[in-house]
N, C-alpha and C. Protein backbone atom coordinates (compact mmCIF):
# COMPACT_ATOMS: atom_id res chain seq x y z
N MET A 1 21.89 -9.57 -3.55
CA MET A 1 20.99 -8.89 -2.55
C MET A 1 19.69 -9.61 -2.83
N SER A 2 19.07 -9.90 -1.55
CA SER A 2 17.87 -10.48 -1.73
C SER A 2 16.62 -9.70 -2.48
N LYS A 3 15.74 -10.38 -3.12
CA LYS A 3 14.68 -9.57 -3.71
C LYS A 3 13.72 -9.09 -2.49
N LYS A 4 13.66 -9.80 -1.53
CA LYS A 4 12.76 -9.35 -0.57
C LYS A 4 13.19 -8.34 0.39
N LEU A 5 14.63 -7.95 0.35
CA LEU A 5 15.03 -6.92 1.34
C LEU A 5 14.49 -5.59 1.17
N PRO A 6 14.22 -5.15 -0.06
CA PRO A 6 13.45 -3.77 -0.12
C PRO A 6 12.10 -3.77 0.63
N LEU A 7 11.54 -4.86 0.40
CA LEU A 7 10.06 -4.94 1.02
C LEU A 7 10.19 -5.04 2.41
N ALA A 8 11.22 -5.70 3.12
CA ALA A 8 11.42 -5.86 4.39
C ALA A 8 11.64 -4.49 5.05
N VAL A 9 12.42 -3.83 4.23
CA VAL A 9 12.78 -2.41 4.69
C VAL A 9 11.54 -1.41 4.57
N GLY A 10 10.78 -1.56 3.59
CA GLY A 10 9.48 -1.04 3.50
C GLY A 10 8.42 -1.28 4.62
N ILE A 11 8.52 -2.35 5.09
CA ILE A 11 7.69 -2.77 6.18
C ILE A 11 8.16 -2.14 7.46
N ALA A 12 9.42 -2.39 7.85
CA ALA A 12 10.10 -1.72 8.91
C ALA A 12 9.87 -0.15 8.83
N ASN A 13 10.02 0.45 7.71
CA ASN A 13 9.72 2.01 7.81
C ASN A 13 8.39 2.25 8.02
N ALA A 14 7.43 1.64 7.30
CA ALA A 14 5.88 1.97 7.67
C ALA A 14 5.64 1.72 9.07
N VAL A 15 6.11 0.59 9.87
CA VAL A 15 5.87 0.45 11.21
C VAL A 15 6.69 1.75 12.06
N SER A 16 7.89 1.92 11.65
CA SER A 16 8.52 2.85 12.43
C SER A 16 7.91 4.44 12.16
N ASP A 17 7.45 4.77 10.99
CA ASP A 17 6.87 5.95 10.79
C ASP A 17 5.58 6.14 11.55
N ALA A 18 4.70 4.95 11.70
CA ALA A 18 3.44 5.01 12.48
C ALA A 18 3.89 5.08 14.12
N GLN A 19 4.91 4.49 14.33
CA GLN A 19 5.31 4.62 15.87
C GLN A 19 5.90 6.00 16.16
N ARG A 20 6.38 6.42 15.33
CA ARG A 20 7.06 7.87 15.42
C ARG A 20 6.01 8.89 15.67
N ARG A 21 5.00 8.91 14.69
CA ARG A 21 3.82 9.58 14.89
C ARG A 21 2.73 9.35 15.78
N ASN A 22 2.95 8.24 16.52
CA ASN A 22 2.05 7.86 17.46
C ASN A 22 0.68 7.55 17.08
N SER A 23 0.68 6.88 15.78
CA SER A 23 -0.58 6.59 15.05
C SER A 23 -0.66 5.23 14.89
N SER A 24 -1.89 4.92 14.39
CA SER A 24 -2.37 3.61 13.84
C SER A 24 -1.82 3.24 12.43
N ILE A 25 -1.90 2.01 11.95
CA ILE A 25 -1.55 1.68 10.61
C ILE A 25 -2.66 1.38 9.90
N ASP A 26 -2.84 1.67 8.67
CA ASP A 26 -3.84 0.94 7.83
C ASP A 26 -3.17 0.01 7.16
N VAL A 27 -3.42 -1.38 7.59
CA VAL A 27 -2.67 -2.53 7.30
C VAL A 27 -3.06 -2.79 5.80
N ASP A 28 -4.31 -2.88 5.38
CA ASP A 28 -4.72 -3.12 4.14
C ASP A 28 -4.09 -2.22 3.00
N ALA A 29 -4.29 -0.84 3.20
CA ALA A 29 -3.65 0.03 2.32
C ALA A 29 -2.30 0.09 2.17
N LYS A 30 -1.51 -0.23 3.50
CA LYS A 30 -0.19 -0.31 3.46
C LYS A 30 0.32 -1.40 2.71
N THR A 31 -0.20 -2.60 2.85
CA THR A 31 -0.03 -3.90 2.28
C THR A 31 -0.23 -3.64 0.62
N ASP A 32 -1.09 -3.03 0.35
CA ASP A 32 -1.32 -2.73 -1.34
C ASP A 32 -0.26 -1.76 -1.69
N GLN A 33 -0.07 -0.82 -1.13
CA GLN A 33 1.25 0.17 -1.33
C GLN A 33 2.47 -0.66 -1.51
N LEU A 34 2.78 -1.47 -0.47
CA LEU A 34 3.94 -2.24 -0.48
C LEU A 34 4.22 -3.24 -1.61
N LEU A 35 3.21 -3.79 -1.97
CA LEU A 35 3.16 -4.74 -3.08
C LEU A 35 3.36 -4.10 -4.41
N LYS A 36 2.71 -2.98 -4.39
CA LYS A 36 2.80 -2.14 -5.85
C LYS A 36 4.41 -1.65 -5.90
N ASP A 37 4.86 -1.24 -4.86
CA ASP A 37 6.31 -0.68 -4.81
C ASP A 37 7.21 -1.72 -4.98
N HIS A 38 6.96 -3.00 -4.43
CA HIS A 38 8.09 -4.15 -4.53
C HIS A 38 7.59 -5.31 -5.21
N PRO A 39 7.23 -5.20 -6.55
CA PRO A 39 6.78 -6.43 -7.29
C PRO A 39 7.95 -7.45 -7.30
N GLU A 40 9.24 -6.98 -7.16
CA GLU A 40 10.45 -8.00 -7.25
C GLU A 40 10.41 -8.95 -6.17
N ALA A 41 9.72 -8.67 -5.08
CA ALA A 41 9.66 -9.60 -3.81
C ALA A 41 8.90 -11.02 -4.24
N GLU A 42 8.11 -10.79 -5.20
CA GLU A 42 7.37 -12.16 -5.38
C GLU A 42 6.91 -12.65 -4.49
N THR A 43 6.13 -12.20 -3.54
CA THR A 43 5.46 -12.69 -2.18
C THR A 43 3.96 -12.60 -2.35
N THR A 44 3.21 -13.15 -1.50
CA THR A 44 1.72 -13.05 -1.49
C THR A 44 1.35 -11.91 -0.55
N ARG A 45 0.15 -11.47 -0.92
CA ARG A 45 -0.55 -10.34 -0.14
C ARG A 45 -0.73 -10.97 1.29
N SER A 46 -1.06 -12.19 1.55
CA SER A 46 -1.26 -12.52 2.87
C SER A 46 -0.06 -12.67 3.47
N MET A 47 1.03 -12.87 3.02
CA MET A 47 2.32 -12.95 3.73
C MET A 47 2.74 -11.53 4.03
N VAL A 48 2.59 -10.60 3.20
CA VAL A 48 2.99 -9.02 3.56
C VAL A 48 2.00 -8.58 4.74
N GLU A 49 0.77 -8.78 4.54
CA GLU A 49 -0.11 -8.58 5.66
C GLU A 49 0.15 -8.86 6.77
N LYS A 50 0.46 -10.32 6.95
CA LYS A 50 0.72 -10.98 8.17
C LYS A 50 2.01 -10.47 8.88
N THR A 51 3.03 -10.25 8.03
CA THR A 51 4.22 -9.65 8.52
C THR A 51 3.96 -8.19 9.12
N LEU A 52 3.36 -7.47 8.31
CA LEU A 52 2.99 -6.11 8.72
C LEU A 52 2.23 -6.02 10.07
N ARG A 53 1.32 -6.80 10.17
CA ARG A 53 0.43 -7.05 11.45
C ARG A 53 1.29 -7.35 12.48
N GLU A 54 2.22 -8.37 12.34
CA GLU A 54 3.12 -8.86 13.44
C GLU A 54 4.08 -7.81 13.85
N GLU A 55 4.73 -7.21 12.87
CA GLU A 55 5.58 -6.15 13.26
C GLU A 55 5.03 -4.91 13.83
N SER A 56 3.85 -4.54 13.53
CA SER A 56 3.26 -3.59 14.19
C SER A 56 2.79 -3.83 15.63
N ALA A 57 2.22 -5.01 15.89
CA ALA A 57 1.92 -5.59 17.15
C ALA A 57 3.18 -5.42 18.06
N ASP A 58 4.20 -5.88 17.50
CA ASP A 58 5.57 -6.05 18.31
C ASP A 58 6.00 -4.50 18.60
N ALA A 59 5.73 -3.56 17.82
CA ALA A 59 6.06 -2.28 18.03
C ALA A 59 4.98 -1.51 18.77
N GLY A 60 3.84 -2.10 19.09
CA GLY A 60 2.84 -1.33 19.72
C GLY A 60 1.95 -0.49 18.86
N VAL A 61 2.03 -0.66 17.57
CA VAL A 61 1.26 0.14 16.70
C VAL A 61 -0.07 -0.48 16.46
N GLN A 62 -1.18 0.08 16.69
CA GLN A 62 -2.49 -0.38 16.44
C GLN A 62 -2.89 -0.37 14.99
N PRO A 63 -3.50 -1.37 14.47
CA PRO A 63 -4.00 -1.59 13.13
C PRO A 63 -5.24 -0.69 12.91
N ARG A 64 -5.80 -0.25 11.78
CA ARG A 64 -6.96 0.49 11.74
C ARG A 64 -7.56 -0.11 10.45
N LYS A 65 -8.89 0.29 10.47
CA LYS A 65 -9.63 -0.05 9.17
C LYS A 65 -9.19 0.76 8.07
N ARG A 66 -9.43 0.12 6.93
CA ARG A 66 -9.33 0.84 5.62
C ARG A 66 -10.23 2.01 5.53
N ARG A 67 -9.91 3.11 5.22
CA ARG A 67 -10.86 4.23 4.81
C ARG A 67 -11.49 4.03 3.56
N ARG A 68 -12.59 4.17 3.49
CA ARG A 68 -13.37 4.05 2.04
C ARG A 68 -13.85 5.42 1.56
């Protein structure tokens, strides 16, 4: 099994959850959480963030700024 598959599923779930709730997604915070949850993926933050943004846009989910 690919080391990146669980990360890909995490991205898909995050987008699906936001879509189901009809809400935006905090891309920065979700990227941080996905990297923390899936260190085995051995990927970069920028790649996860880019993929999350692209998948969100494709699903019609709007990004939002990180809450501070």
